Amino acid sequence: PLAEDVRPIRPGMEGGRYTPLAANDLERIHEAVLTLLETVGF
């Protein structure tokens, strides 16, 4: 049996290596979101 901290996989492992959006894309999406919430609303 293996201790939890040396198992090859376990819950809560860190991801984040795949990023389909560039940093500028994230900012543009955020700005579009704020515009819609101010002008269109729910």
Full PDB file with SEQRES, HELIX, SHEET, SSBOND, CRYST1, ORIGX, SCALE, CONECT and MASTER records, all heavy atoms in Angstrom:
SEQRES   1 A   42  PRO LEU ALA GLU ASP VAL ARG PRO ILE ARG PRO GLY MET          
SEQRES   2 A   42  GLU GLY GLY ARG TYR THR PRO LEU ALA ALA ASN ASP LEU          
SEQRES   3 A   42  GLU ARG ILE HIS GLU ALA VAL LEU THR LEU LEU GLU THR          
SEQRES   4 A   42  VAL GLY PHE                                                  
HELIX    1 AA1 GLU A    4  VAL A    6  5                                   3    
HELIX    2 AA2 ALA A   23  THR A   39  1                                  17    
CRYST1    1.000    1.000    1.000  90.00  90.00  90.00 P 1           1          
ORIGX1      1.000000  0.000000  0.000000        0.00000                         
ORIGX2      0.000000  1.000000  0.000000        0.00000                         
ORIGX3      0.000000  0.000000  1.000000        0.00000                         
SCALE1      1.000000  0.000000  0.000000        0.00000                         
SCALE2      0.000000  1.000000  0.000000        0.00000                         
SCALE3      0.000000  0.000000  1.000000        0.00000                         
ATOM      1  N   PRO A   1       0.839  -1.218   0.000  1.00  0.00           N  
ATOM      2  CA  PRO A   1       0.000   0.000   0.000  1.00  0.00           C  
ATOM      3  C   PRO A   1       0.858   1.246   0.000  1.00  0.00           C  
ATOM      4  O   PRO A   1       1.931   1.280   0.598  1.00  0.00           O  
ATOM      5  CB  PRO A   1      -0.805  -0.138   1.282  1.00  0.00           C  
ATOM      6  CG  PRO A   1       0.007  -1.029   2.165  1.00  0.00           C  
ATOM      7  CD  PRO A   1       0.726  -1.978   1.253  1.00  0.00           C  
ATOM      8  N   LEU A   2       0.360   2.270  -0.672  1.00  0.00           N  
ATOM      9  CA  LEU A   2       1.087   3.525  -0.780  1.00  0.00           C  
ATOM     10  C   LEU A   2       0.446   4.596   0.083  1.00  0.00           C  
ATOM     11  O   LEU A   2      -0.784   4.685   0.163  1.00  0.00           O  
ATOM     12  CB  LEU A   2       1.107   4.002  -2.232  1.00  0.00           C  
ATOM     13  CG  LEU A   2       1.970   3.222  -3.220  1.00  0.00           C  
ATOM     14  CD1 LEU A   2       1.762   3.781  -4.609  1.00  0.00           C  
ATOM     15  CD2 LEU A   2       3.429   3.299  -2.839  1.00  0.00           C  
ATOM     16  N   ALA A   3       1.284   5.405   0.689  1.00  0.00           N  
ATOM     17  CA  ALA A   3       0.778   6.578   1.389  1.00  0.00           C  
ATOM     18  C   ALA A   3       0.176   7.542   0.379  1.00  0.00           C  
ATOM     19  O   ALA A   3       0.592   7.599  -0.783  1.00  0.00           O  
ATOM     20  CB  ALA A   3       1.910   7.250   2.165  1.00  0.00           C  
ATOM     21  N   GLU A   4      -0.823   8.313   0.828  1.00  0.00           N  
ATOM     22  CA  GLU A   4      -1.534   9.219  -0.077  1.00  0.00           C  
ATOM     23  C   GLU A   4      -0.598  10.180  -0.798  1.00  0.00           C  
ATOM     24  O   GLU A   4      -0.773  10.464  -1.984  1.00  0.00           O  
ATOM     25  CB  GLU A   4      -2.576  10.008   0.724  1.00  0.00           C  
ATOM     26  CG  GLU A   4      -3.418  10.962  -0.097  1.00  0.00           C  
ATOM     27  CD  GLU A   4      -4.394  10.273  -1.018  1.00  0.00           C  
ATOM     28  OE1 GLU A   4      -4.717   9.078  -0.793  1.00  0.00           O  
ATOM     29  OE2 GLU A   4      -4.840  10.918  -1.982  1.00  0.00           O  
ATOM     30  N   ASP A   5       0.431  10.669  -0.096  1.00  0.00           N  
ATOM     31  CA  ASP A   5       1.271  11.708  -0.679  1.00  0.00           C  
ATOM     32  C   ASP A   5       2.302  11.189  -1.673  1.00  0.00           C  
ATOM     33  O   ASP A   5       3.021  11.978  -2.282  1.00  0.00           O  
ATOM     34  CB  ASP A   5       1.974  12.521   0.410  1.00  0.00           C  
ATOM     35  CG  ASP A   5       2.884  11.661   1.284  1.00  0.00           C  
ATOM     36  OD1 ASP A   5       2.786  10.413   1.210  1.00  0.00           O  
ATOM     37  OD2 ASP A   5       3.682  12.234   2.038  1.00  0.00           O  
ATOM     38  N   VAL A   6       2.408   9.864  -1.860  1.00  0.00           N  
ATOM     39  CA  VAL A   6       3.344   9.335  -2.858  1.00  0.00           C  
ATOM     40  C   VAL A   6       2.641   8.556  -3.959  1.00  0.00           C  
ATOM     41  O   VAL A   6       3.296   8.013  -4.847  1.00  0.00           O  
ATOM     42  CB  VAL A   6       4.424   8.442  -2.202  1.00  0.00           C  
ATOM     43  CG1 VAL A   6       5.285   9.252  -1.265  1.00  0.00           C  
ATOM     44  CG2 VAL A   6       3.811   7.241  -1.492  1.00  0.00           C  
ATOM     45  N   ARG A   7       1.310   8.488  -3.910  1.00  0.00           N  
ATOM     46  CA  ARG A   7       0.586   7.824  -4.996  1.00  0.00           C  
ATOM     47  C   ARG A   7       0.832   8.568  -6.302  1.00  0.00           C  
ATOM     48  O   ARG A   7       0.969   9.803  -6.305  1.00  0.00           O  
ATOM     49  CB  ARG A   7      -0.914   7.794  -4.697  1.00  0.00           C  
ATOM     50  CG  ARG A   7      -1.301   6.859  -3.572  1.00  0.00           C  
ATOM     51  CD  ARG A   7      -2.790   6.959  -3.284  1.00  0.00           C  
ATOM     52  NE  ARG A   7      -3.581   6.724  -4.481  1.00  0.00           N  
ATOM     53  CZ  ARG A   7      -4.852   7.067  -4.625  1.00  0.00           C  
ATOM     54  NH1 ARG A   7      -5.480   7.689  -3.633  1.00  0.00           N  
ATOM     55  NH2 ARG A   7      -5.503   6.809  -5.730  1.00  0.00           N  
ATOM     56  N   PRO A   8       0.854   7.853  -7.425  1.00  0.00           N  
ATOM     57  CA  PRO A   8       1.102   8.544  -8.695  1.00  0.00           C  
ATOM     58  C   PRO A   8       0.012   9.536  -9.060  1.00  0.00           C  
ATOM     59  O   PRO A   8       0.274  10.536  -9.721  1.00  0.00           O  
ATOM     60  CB  PRO A   8       1.181   7.399  -9.711  1.00  0.00           C  
ATOM     61  CG  PRO A   8       0.460   6.255  -9.076  1.00  0.00           C  
ATOM     62  CD  PRO A   8       0.705   6.395  -7.606  1.00  0.00           C  
ATOM     63  N   ILE A   9      -1.224   9.282  -8.637  1.00  0.00           N  
ATOM     64  CA  ILE A   9      -2.327  10.225  -8.854  1.00  0.00           C  
ATOM     65  C   ILE A   9      -3.172  10.270  -7.595  1.00  0.00           C  
ATOM     66  O   ILE A   9      -3.228   9.315  -6.826  1.00  0.00           O  
ATOM     67  CB  ILE A   9      -3.201   9.838 -10.062  1.00  0.00           C  
ATOM     68  CG1 ILE A   9      -3.783   8.437  -9.878  1.00  0.00           C  
ATOM     69  CG2 ILE A   9      -2.407   9.950 -11.362  1.00  0.00           C  
ATOM     70  CD1 ILE A   9      -4.785   8.044 -10.927  1.00  0.00           C  
ATOM     71  N   ARG A  10      -3.856  11.393  -7.394  1.00  0.00           N  
ATOM     72  CA  ARG A  10      -4.707  11.561  -6.219  1.00  0.00           C  
ATOM     73  C   ARG A  10      -5.616  12.776  -6.450  1.00  0.00           C  
ATOM     74  O   ARG A  10      -5.360  13.578  -7.341  1.00  0.00           O  
ATOM     75  CB  ARG A  10      -3.864  11.744  -4.961  1.00  0.00           C  
ATOM     76  CG  ARG A  10      -2.814  12.824  -5.042  1.00  0.00           C  
ATOM     77  CD  ARG A  10      -1.844  12.766  -3.863  1.00  0.00           C  
ATOM     78  NE  ARG A  10      -0.783  13.754  -3.981  1.00  0.00           N  
ATOM     79  CZ  ARG A  10       0.346  13.565  -4.654  1.00  0.00           C  
ATOM     80  NH1 ARG A  10       0.562  12.420  -5.283  1.00  0.00           N  
ATOM     81  NH2 ARG A  10       1.272  14.505  -4.704  1.00  0.00           N  
ATOM     82  N   PRO A  11      -6.660  12.918  -5.643  1.00  0.00           N  
ATOM     83  CA  PRO A  11      -7.538  14.078  -5.802  1.00  0.00           C  
ATOM     84  C   PRO A  11      -6.784  15.383  -5.578  1.00  0.00           C  
ATOM     85  O   PRO A  11      -5.862  15.465  -4.758  1.00  0.00           O  
ATOM     86  CB  PRO A  11      -8.587  13.866  -4.701  1.00  0.00           C  
ATOM     87  CG  PRO A  11      -8.543  12.416  -4.383  1.00  0.00           C  
ATOM     88  CD  PRO A  11      -7.128  11.992  -4.593  1.00  0.00           C  
ATOM     89  N   GLY A  12      -7.185  16.396  -6.327  1.00  0.00           N  
ATOM     90  CA  GLY A  12      -6.650  17.734  -6.094  1.00  0.00           C  
ATOM     91  C   GLY A  12      -5.282  17.990  -6.682  1.00  0.00           C  
ATOM     92  O   GLY A  12      -4.598  18.926  -6.259  1.00  0.00           O  
ATOM     93  N   MET A  13      -4.869  17.206  -7.687  1.00  0.00           N  
ATOM     94  CA  MET A  13      -3.592  17.480  -8.336  1.00  0.00           C  
ATOM     95  C   MET A  13      -3.682  18.786  -9.125  1.00  0.00           C  
ATOM     96  O   MET A  13      -4.748  19.165  -9.602  1.00  0.00           O  
ATOM     97  CB  MET A  13      -3.213  16.321  -9.256  1.00  0.00           C  
ATOM     98  CG  MET A  13      -3.120  14.996  -8.513  1.00  0.00           C  
ATOM     99  SD  MET A  13      -2.503  13.654  -9.537  1.00  0.00           S  
ATOM    100  CE  MET A  13      -0.784  14.083  -9.575  1.00  0.00           C  
ATOM    101  N   GLU A  14      -2.565  19.474  -9.260  1.00  0.00           N  
ATOM    102  CA  GLU A  14      -2.540  20.788  -9.908  1.00  0.00           C  
ATOM    103  C   GLU A  14      -2.500  20.656 -11.426  1.00  0.00           C  
ATOM    104  O   GLU A  14      -1.610  20.016 -11.986  1.00  0.00           O  
ATOM    105  CB  GLU A  14      -1.313  21.577  -9.444  1.00  0.00           C  
ATOM    106  CG  GLU A  14      -1.389  22.026  -7.990  1.00  0.00           C  
ATOM    107  CD  GLU A  14      -2.125  23.343  -7.819  1.00  0.00           C  
ATOM    108  OE1 GLU A  14      -2.379  24.011  -8.841  1.00  0.00           O  
ATOM    109  OE2 GLU A  14      -2.429  23.699  -6.667  1.00  0.00           O  
ATOM    110  N   GLY A  15      -3.478  21.287 -12.095  1.00  0.00           N  
ATOM    111  CA  GLY A  15      -3.467  21.384 -13.546  1.00  0.00           C  
ATOM    112  C   GLY A  15      -3.084  22.788 -13.978  1.00  0.00           C  
ATOM    113  O   GLY A  15      -2.391  23.508 -13.269  1.00  0.00           O  
ATOM    114  N   GLY A  16      -3.558  23.186 -15.144  1.00  0.00           N  
ATOM    115  CA  GLY A  16      -3.348  24.548 -15.615  1.00  0.00           C  
ATOM    116  C   GLY A  16      -2.335  24.698 -16.727  1.00  0.00           C  
ATOM    117  O   GLY A  16      -2.031  25.822 -17.143  1.00  0.00           O  
ATOM    118  N   ARG A  17      -1.823  23.570 -17.248  1.00  0.00           N  
ATOM    119  CA  ARG A  17      -0.824  23.670 -18.309  1.00  0.00           C  
ATOM    120  C   ARG A  17      -1.435  23.966 -19.673  1.00  0.00           C  
ATOM    121  O   ARG A  17      -0.752  24.444 -20.568  1.00  0.00           O  
ATOM    122  CB  ARG A  17      -0.015  22.375 -18.382  1.00  0.00           C  
ATOM    123  CG  ARG A  17       0.855  22.118 -17.157  1.00  0.00           C  
ATOM    124  CD  ARG A  17       1.526  20.738 -17.199  1.00  0.00           C  
ATOM    125  NE  ARG A  17       2.393  20.548 -16.048  1.00  0.00           N  
ATOM    126  CZ  ARG A  17       1.975  20.134 -14.863  1.00  0.00           C  
ATOM    127  NH1 ARG A  17       0.683  19.899 -14.678  1.00  0.00           N  
ATOM    128  NH2 ARG A  17       2.815  19.969 -13.865  1.00  0.00           N  
ATOM    129  N   TYR A  18      -2.726  23.665 -19.819  1.00  0.00           N  
ATOM    130  CA  TYR A  18      -3.387  23.906 -21.104  1.00  0.00           C  
ATOM    131  C   TYR A  18      -4.190  25.196 -21.014  1.00  0.00           C  
ATOM    132  O   TYR A  18      -5.065  25.344 -20.153  1.00  0.00           O  
ATOM    133  CB  TYR A  18      -4.309  22.744 -21.460  1.00  0.00           C  
ATOM    134  CG  TYR A  18      -5.108  22.987 -22.721  1.00  0.00           C  
ATOM    135  CD1 TYR A  18      -4.467  23.207 -23.940  1.00  0.00           C  
ATOM    136  CD2 TYR A  18      -6.491  22.998 -22.690  1.00  0.00           C  
ATOM    137  CE1 TYR A  18      -5.197  23.441 -25.086  1.00  0.00           C  
ATOM    138  CE2 TYR A  18      -7.233  23.230 -23.841  1.00  0.00           C  
ATOM    139  CZ  TYR A  18      -6.575  23.455 -25.038  1.00  0.00           C  
ATOM    140  OH  TYR A  18      -7.301  23.695 -26.179  1.00  0.00           O  
ATOM    141  N   THR A  19      -3.900  26.141 -21.895  1.00  0.00           N  
ATOM    142  CA  THR A  19      -4.561  27.459 -21.858  1.00  0.00           C  
ATOM    143  C   THR A  19      -4.940  27.877 -23.276  1.00  0.00           C  
ATOM    144  O   THR A  19      -4.136  28.490 -23.982  1.00  0.00           O  
ATOM    145  CB  THR A  19      -3.621  28.518 -21.233  1.00  0.00           C  
ATOM    146  OG1 THR A  19      -2.361  28.488 -21.927  1.00  0.00           O  
ATOM    147  CG2 THR A  19      -3.382  28.228 -19.769  1.00  0.00           C  
ATOM    148  N   PRO A  20      -6.153  27.567 -23.724  1.00  0.00           N  
ATOM    149  CA  PRO A  20      -6.553  27.934 -25.085  1.00  0.00           C  
ATOM    150  C   PRO A  20      -6.713  29.435 -25.292  1.00  0.00           C  
ATOM    151  O   PRO A  20      -6.697  29.897 -26.436  1.00  0.00           O  
ATOM    152  CB  PRO A  20      -7.886  27.202 -25.280  1.00  0.00           C  
ATOM    153  CG  PRO A  20      -8.409  27.008 -23.905  1.00  0.00           C  
ATOM    154  CD  PRO A  20      -7.206  26.804 -23.044  1.00  0.00           C  
ATOM    155  N   LEU A  21      -6.883  30.194 -24.213  1.00  0.00           N  
ATOM    156  CA  LEU A  21      -7.046  31.640 -24.324  1.00  0.00           C  
ATOM    157  C   LEU A  21      -5.765  32.358 -23.909  1.00  0.00           C  
ATOM    158  O   LEU A  21      -5.150  32.019 -22.896  1.00  0.00           O  
ATOM    159  CB  LEU A  21      -8.191  32.114 -23.425  1.00  0.00           C  
ATOM    160  CG  LEU A  21      -9.591  31.571 -23.747  1.00  0.00           C  
ATOM    161  CD1 LEU A  21     -10.573  31.973 -22.653  1.00  0.00           C  
ATOM    162  CD2 LEU A  21     -10.071  32.050 -25.103  1.00  0.00           C  
ATOM    163  N   ALA A  22      -5.359  33.338 -24.698  1.00  0.00           N  
ATOM    164  CA  ALA A  22      -4.217  34.183 -24.342  1.00  0.00           C  
ATOM    165  C   ALA A  22      -4.639  35.192 -23.275  1.00  0.00           C  
ATOM    166  O   ALA A  22      -5.829  35.437 -23.056  1.00  0.00           O  
ATOM    167  CB  ALA A  22      -3.688  34.911 -25.576  1.00  0.00           C  
ATOM    168  N   ALA A  23      -3.650  35.794 -22.611  1.00  0.00           N  
ATOM    169  CA  ALA A  23      -3.949  36.762 -21.548  1.00  0.00           C  
ATOM    170  C   ALA A  23      -4.830  37.894 -22.057  1.00  0.00           C  
ATOM    171  O   ALA A  23      -5.772  38.333 -21.378  1.00  0.00           O  
ATOM    172  CB  ALA A  23      -2.645  37.309 -20.967  1.00  0.00           C  
ATOM    173  N   ASN A  24      -4.553  38.390 -23.255  1.00  0.00           N  
ATOM    174  CA  ASN A  24      -5.365  39.466 -23.823  1.00  0.00           C  
ATOM    175  C   ASN A  24      -6.786  39.006 -24.099  1.00  0.00           C  
ATOM    176  O   ASN A  24      -7.735  39.791 -23.976  1.00  0.00           O  
ATOM    177  CB  ASN A  24      -4.717  39.968 -25.119  1.00  0.00           C  
ATOM    178  CG  ASN A  24      -5.454  41.164 -25.690  1.00  0.00           C  
ATOM    179  OD1 ASN A  24      -5.639  42.161 -25.007  1.00  0.00           O  
ATOM    180  ND2 ASN A  24      -5.865  41.063 -26.957  1.00  0.00           N  
ATOM    181  N   ASP A  25      -6.950  37.708 -24.452  1.00  0.00           N  
ATOM    182  CA  ASP A  25      -8.297  37.161 -24.672  1.00  0.00           C  
ATOM    183  C   ASP A  25      -9.115  37.210 -23.384  1.00  0.00           C  
ATOM    184  O   ASP A  25     -10.314  37.533 -23.406  1.00  0.00           O  
ATOM    185  CB  ASP A  25      -8.203  35.715 -25.158  1.00  0.00           C  
ATOM    186  CG  ASP A  25      -7.504  35.568 -26.495  1.00  0.00           C  
ATOM    187  OD1 ASP A  25      -7.536  36.527 -27.287  1.00  0.00           O  
ATOM    188  OD2 ASP A  25      -6.927  34.497 -26.734  1.00  0.00           O  
ATOM    189  N   LEU A  26      -8.495  36.871 -22.295  1.00  0.00           N  
ATOM    190  CA  LEU A  26      -9.188  36.884 -21.010  1.00  0.00           C  
ATOM    191  C   LEU A  26      -9.680  38.285 -20.660  1.00  0.00           C  
ATOM    192  O   LEU A  26     -10.822  38.465 -20.206  1.00  0.00           O  
ATOM    193  CB  LEU A  26      -8.261  36.371 -19.912  1.00  0.00           C  
ATOM    194  CG  LEU A  26      -7.732  34.938 -20.064  1.00  0.00           C  
ATOM    195  CD1 LEU A  26      -6.660  34.656 -19.015  1.00  0.00           C  
ATOM    196  CD2 LEU A  26      -8.862  33.926 -19.948  1.00  0.00           C  
ATOM    197  N   GLU A  27      -8.830  39.272 -20.884  1.00  0.00           N  
ATOM    198  CA  GLU A  27      -9.213  40.666 -20.610  1.00  0.00           C  
ATOM    199  C   GLU A  27     -10.366  41.108 -21.506  1.00  0.00           C  
ATOM    200  O   GLU A  27     -11.290  41.795 -21.060  1.00  0.00           O  
ATOM    201  CB  GLU A  27      -8.007  41.580 -20.815  1.00  0.00           C  
ATOM    202  CG  GLU A  27      -6.884  41.379 -19.814  1.00  0.00           C  
ATOM    203  CD  GLU A  27      -7.193  41.968 -18.448  1.00  0.00           C  
ATOM    204  OE1 GLU A  27      -8.255  42.611 -18.293  1.00  0.00           O  
ATOM    205  OE2 GLU A  27      -6.371  41.781 -17.526  1.00  0.00           O  
ATOM    206  N   ARG A  28     -10.335  40.703 -22.760  1.00  0.00           N  
ATOM    207  CA  ARG A  28     -11.402  41.107 -23.687  1.00  0.00           C  
ATOM    208  C   ARG A  28     -12.727  40.447 -23.321  1.00  0.00           C  
ATOM    209  O   ARG A  28     -13.792  41.071 -23.413  1.00  0.00           O  
ATOM    210  CB  ARG A  28     -11.003  40.760 -25.118  1.00  0.00           C  
ATOM    211  CG  ARG A  28      -9.796  41.553 -25.629  1.00  0.00           C  
ATOM    212  CD  ARG A  28      -9.442  41.147 -27.051  1.00  0.00           C  
ATOM    213  NE  ARG A  28     -10.488  41.567 -27.988  1.00  0.00           N  
ATOM    214  CZ  ARG A  28     -10.613  41.097 -29.237  1.00  0.00           C  
ATOM    215  NH1 ARG A  28      -9.763  40.188 -29.676  1.00  0.00           N  
ATOM    216  NH2 ARG A  28     -11.569  41.547 -30.017  1.00  0.00           N  
ATOM    217  N   ILE A  29     -12.677  39.185 -22.914  1.00  0.00           N  
ATOM    218  CA  ILE A  29     -13.899  38.514 -22.469  1.00  0.00           C  
ATOM    219  C   ILE A  29     -14.452  39.216 -21.232  1.00  0.00           C  
ATOM    220  O   ILE A  29     -15.659  39.480 -21.125  1.00  0.00           O  
ATOM    221  CB  ILE A  29     -13.619  37.022 -22.198  1.00  0.00           C  
ATOM    222  CG1 ILE A  29     -13.395  36.275 -23.519  1.00  0.00           C  
ATOM    223  CG2 ILE A  29     -14.760  36.377 -21.407  1.00  0.00           C  
ATOM    224  CD1 ILE A  29     -12.914  34.850 -23.357  1.00  0.00           C  
ATOM    225  N   HIS A  30     -13.584  39.534 -20.292  1.00  0.00           N  
ATOM    226  CA  HIS A  30     -14.014  40.215 -19.066  1.00  0.00           C  
ATOM    227  C   HIS A  30     -14.681  41.553 -19.386  1.00  0.00           C  
ATOM    228  O   HIS A  30     -15.743  41.885 -18.840  1.00  0.00           O  
ATOM    229  CB  HIS A  30     -12.798  40.431 -18.160  1.00  0.00           C  
ATOM    230  CG  HIS A  30     -13.086  41.233 -16.937  1.00  0.00           C  
ATOM    231  ND1 HIS A  30     -14.040  40.880 -16.005  1.00  0.00           N  
ATOM    232  CD2 HIS A  30     -12.528  42.405 -16.487  1.00  0.00           C  
ATOM    233  CE1 HIS A  30     -14.067  41.779 -15.045  1.00  0.00           C  
ATOM    234  NE2 HIS A  30     -13.168  42.718 -15.301  1.00  0.00           N  
ATOM    235  N   GLU A  31     -14.090  42.315 -20.291  1.00  0.00           N  
ATOM    236  CA  GLU A  31     -14.664  43.606 -20.660  1.00  0.00           C  
ATOM    237  C   GLU A  31     -16.016  43.439 -21.336  1.00  0.00           C  
ATOM    238  O   GLU A  31     -16.961  44.199 -21.072  1.00  0.00           O  
ATOM    239  CB  GLU A  31     -13.702  44.359 -21.577  1.00  0.00           C  
ATOM    240  CG  GLU A  31     -14.160  45.761 -21.957  1.00  0.00           C  
ATOM    241  CD  GLU A  31     -14.334  46.690 -20.771  1.00  0.00           C  
ATOM    242  OE1 GLU A  31     -13.608  46.507 -19.755  1.00  0.00           O  
ATOM    243  OE2 GLU A  31     -15.193  47.594 -20.839  1.00  0.00           O  
ATOM    244  N   ALA A  32     -16.147  42.430 -22.193  1.00  0.00           N  
ATOM    245  CA  ALA A  32     -17.432  42.164 -22.841  1.00  0.00           C  
ATOM    246  C   ALA A  32     -18.493  41.787 -21.813  1.00  0.00           C  
ATOM    247  O   ALA A  32     -19.662  42.207 -21.904  1.00  0.00           O  
ATOM    248  CB  ALA A  32     -17.273  41.052 -23.874  1.00  0.00           C  
ATOM    249  N   VAL A  33     -18.092  41.014 -20.814  1.00  0.00           N  
ATOM    250  CA  VAL A  33     -19.019  40.605 -19.759  1.00  0.00           C  
ATOM    251  C   VAL A  33     -19.522  41.826 -18.989  1.00  0.00           C  
ATOM    252  O   VAL A  33     -20.731  41.987 -18.763  1.00  0.00           O  
ATOM    253  CB  VAL A  33     -18.322  39.609 -18.806  1.00  0.00           C  
ATOM    254  CG1 VAL A  33     -19.118  39.438 -17.519  1.00  0.00           C  
ATOM    255  CG2 VAL A  33     -18.130  38.259 -19.489  1.00  0.00           C  
ATOM    256  N   LEU A  34     -18.620  42.691 -18.571  1.00  0.00           N  
ATOM    257  CA  LEU A  34     -19.023  43.877 -17.813  1.00  0.00           C  
ATOM    258  C   LEU A  34     -19.951  44.773 -18.633  1.00  0.00           C  
ATOM    259  O   LEU A  34     -20.923  45.340 -18.105  1.00  0.00           O  
ATOM    260  CB  LEU A  34     -17.789  44.663 -17.378  1.00  0.00           C  
ATOM    261  CG  LEU A  34     -16.872  43.968 -16.362  1.00  0.00           C  
ATOM    262  CD1 LEU A  34     -15.677  44.858 -16.037  1.00  0.00           C  
ATOM    263  CD2 LEU A  34     -17.620  43.603 -15.092  1.00  0.00           C  
ATOM    264  N   THR A  35     -19.674  44.885 -19.917  1.00  0.00           N  
ATOM    265  CA  THR A  35     -20.531  45.690 -20.788  1.00  0.00           C  
ATOM    266  C   THR A  35     -21.942  45.123 -20.840  1.00  0.00           C  
ATOM    267  O   THR A  35     -22.940  45.866 -20.720  1.00  0.00           O  
ATOM    268  CB  THR A  35     -19.930  45.758 -22.200  1.00  0.00           C  
ATOM    269  OG1 THR A  35     -18.647  46.397 -22.135  1.00  0.00           O  
ATOM    270  CG2 THR A  35     -20.844  46.529 -23.144  1.00  0.00           C  
ATOM    271  N   LEU A  36     -22.063  43.800 -21.004  1.00  0.00           N  
ATOM    272  CA  LEU A  36     -23.384  43.178 -21.076  1.00  0.00           C  
ATOM    273  C   LEU A  36     -24.145  43.326 -19.762  1.00  0.00           C  
ATOM    274  O   LEU A  36     -25.358  43.586 -19.761  1.00  0.00           O  
ATOM    275  CB  LEU A  36     -23.238  41.695 -21.423  1.00  0.00           C  
ATOM    276  CG  LEU A  36     -22.869  41.370 -22.867  1.00  0.00           C  
ATOM    277  CD1 LEU A  36     -22.609  39.873 -23.020  1.00  0.00           C  
ATOM    278  CD2 LEU A  36     -24.005  41.790 -23.810  1.00  0.00           C  
ATOM    279  N   LEU A  37     -23.474  43.175 -18.643  1.00  0.00           N  
ATOM    280  CA  LEU A  37     -24.163  43.259 -17.361  1.00  0.00           C  
ATOM    281  C   LEU A  37     -24.644  44.675 -17.070  1.00  0.00           C  
ATOM    282  O   LEU A  37     -25.682  44.870 -16.437  1.00  0.00           O  
ATOM    283  CB  LEU A  37     -23.249  42.758 -16.242  1.00  0.00           C  
ATOM    284  CG  LEU A  37     -22.893  41.265 -16.310  1.00  0.00           C  
ATOM    285  CD1 LEU A  37     -22.016  40.859 -15.140  1.00  0.00           C  
ATOM    286  CD2 LEU A  37     -24.156  40.407 -16.348  1.00  0.00           C  
ATOM    287  N   GLU A  38     -23.902  45.677 -17.549  1.00  0.00           N  
ATOM    288  CA  GLU A  38     -24.321  47.072 -17.357  1.00  0.00           C  
ATOM    289  C   GLU A  38     -25.429  47.485 -18.308  1.00  0.00           C  
ATOM    290  O   GLU A  38     -26.302  48.288 -17.944  1.00  0.00           O  
ATOM    291  CB  GLU A  38     -23.118  47.997 -17.570  1.00  0.00           C  
ATOM    292  CG  GLU A  38     -22.202  48.122 -16.369  1.00  0.00           C  
ATOM    293  CD  GLU A  38     -21.239  49.289 -16.518  1.00  0.00           C  
ATOM    294  OE1 GLU A  38     -20.686  49.479 -17.621  1.00  0.00           O  
ATOM    295  OE2 GLU A  38     -21.042  50.016 -15.523  1.00  0.00           O  
ATOM    296  N   THR A  39     -25.397  46.957 -19.533  1.00  0.00           N  
ATOM    297  CA  THR A  39     -26.297  47.478 -20.559  1.00  0.00           C  
ATOM    298  C   THR A  39     -27.490  46.586 -20.860  1.00  0.00           C  
ATOM    299  O   THR A  39     -28.569  47.080 -21.200  1.00  0.00           O  
ATOM    300  CB  THR A  39     -25.517  47.709 -21.867  1.00  0.00           C  
ATOM    301  OG1 THR A  39     -24.966  46.465 -22.320  1.00  0.00           O  
ATOM    302  CG2 THR A  39     -24.401  48.715 -21.657  1.00  0.00           C  
ATOM    303  N   VAL A  40     -27.329  45.272 -20.772  1.00  0.00           N  
ATOM    304  CA  VAL A  40     -28.409  44.329 -21.098  1.00  0.00           C  
ATOM    305  C   VAL A  40     -29.084  43.828 -19.837  1.00  0.00           C  
ATOM    306  O   VAL A  40     -30.305  43.874 -19.694  1.00  0.00           O  
ATOM    307  CB  VAL A  40     -27.883  43.146 -21.950  1.00  0.00           C  
ATOM    308  CG1 VAL A  40     -29.006  42.139 -22.218  1.00  0.00           C  
ATOM    309  CG2 VAL A  40     -27.293  43.649 -23.256  1.00  0.00           C  
ATOM    310  N   GLY A  41     -28.293  43.351 -18.907  1.00  0.00           N  
ATOM    311  CA  GLY A  41     -28.842  42.898 -17.635  1.00  0.00           C  
ATOM    312  C   GLY A  41     -29.691  41.643 -17.758  1.00  0.00           C  
ATOM    313  O   GLY A  41     -29.652  40.934 -18.768  1.00  0.00           O  
ATOM    314  N   PHE A  42     -30.499  41.391 -16.717  1.00  0.00           N  
ATOM    315  CA  PHE A  42     -31.261  40.148 -16.589  1.00  0.00           C  
ATOM    316  C   PHE A  42     -32.748  40.422 -16.451  1.00  0.00           C  
ATOM    317  O   PHE A  42     -33.163  41.356 -15.767  1.00  0.00           O  
ATOM    318  CB  PHE A  42     -30.794  39.391 -15.337  1.00  0.00           C  
ATOM    319  CG  PHE A  42     -29.707  38.404 -15.599  1.00  0.00           C  
ATOM    320  CD1 PHE A  42     -28.494  38.802 -16.137  1.00  0.00           C  
ATOM    321  CD2 PHE A  42     -29.886  37.062 -15.315  1.00  0.00           C  
ATOM    322  CE1 PHE A  42     -27.492  37.903 -16.374  1.00  0.00           C  
ATOM    323  CE2 PHE A  42     -28.887  36.142 -15.549  1.00  0.00           C  
ATOM    324  CZ  PHE A  42     -27.685  36.553 -16.079  1.00  0.00           C  
TER     325      PHE A  42                                                      
MASTER        0    0    0    2    0    0    0    6  324    1    0    4          
END                                                                             
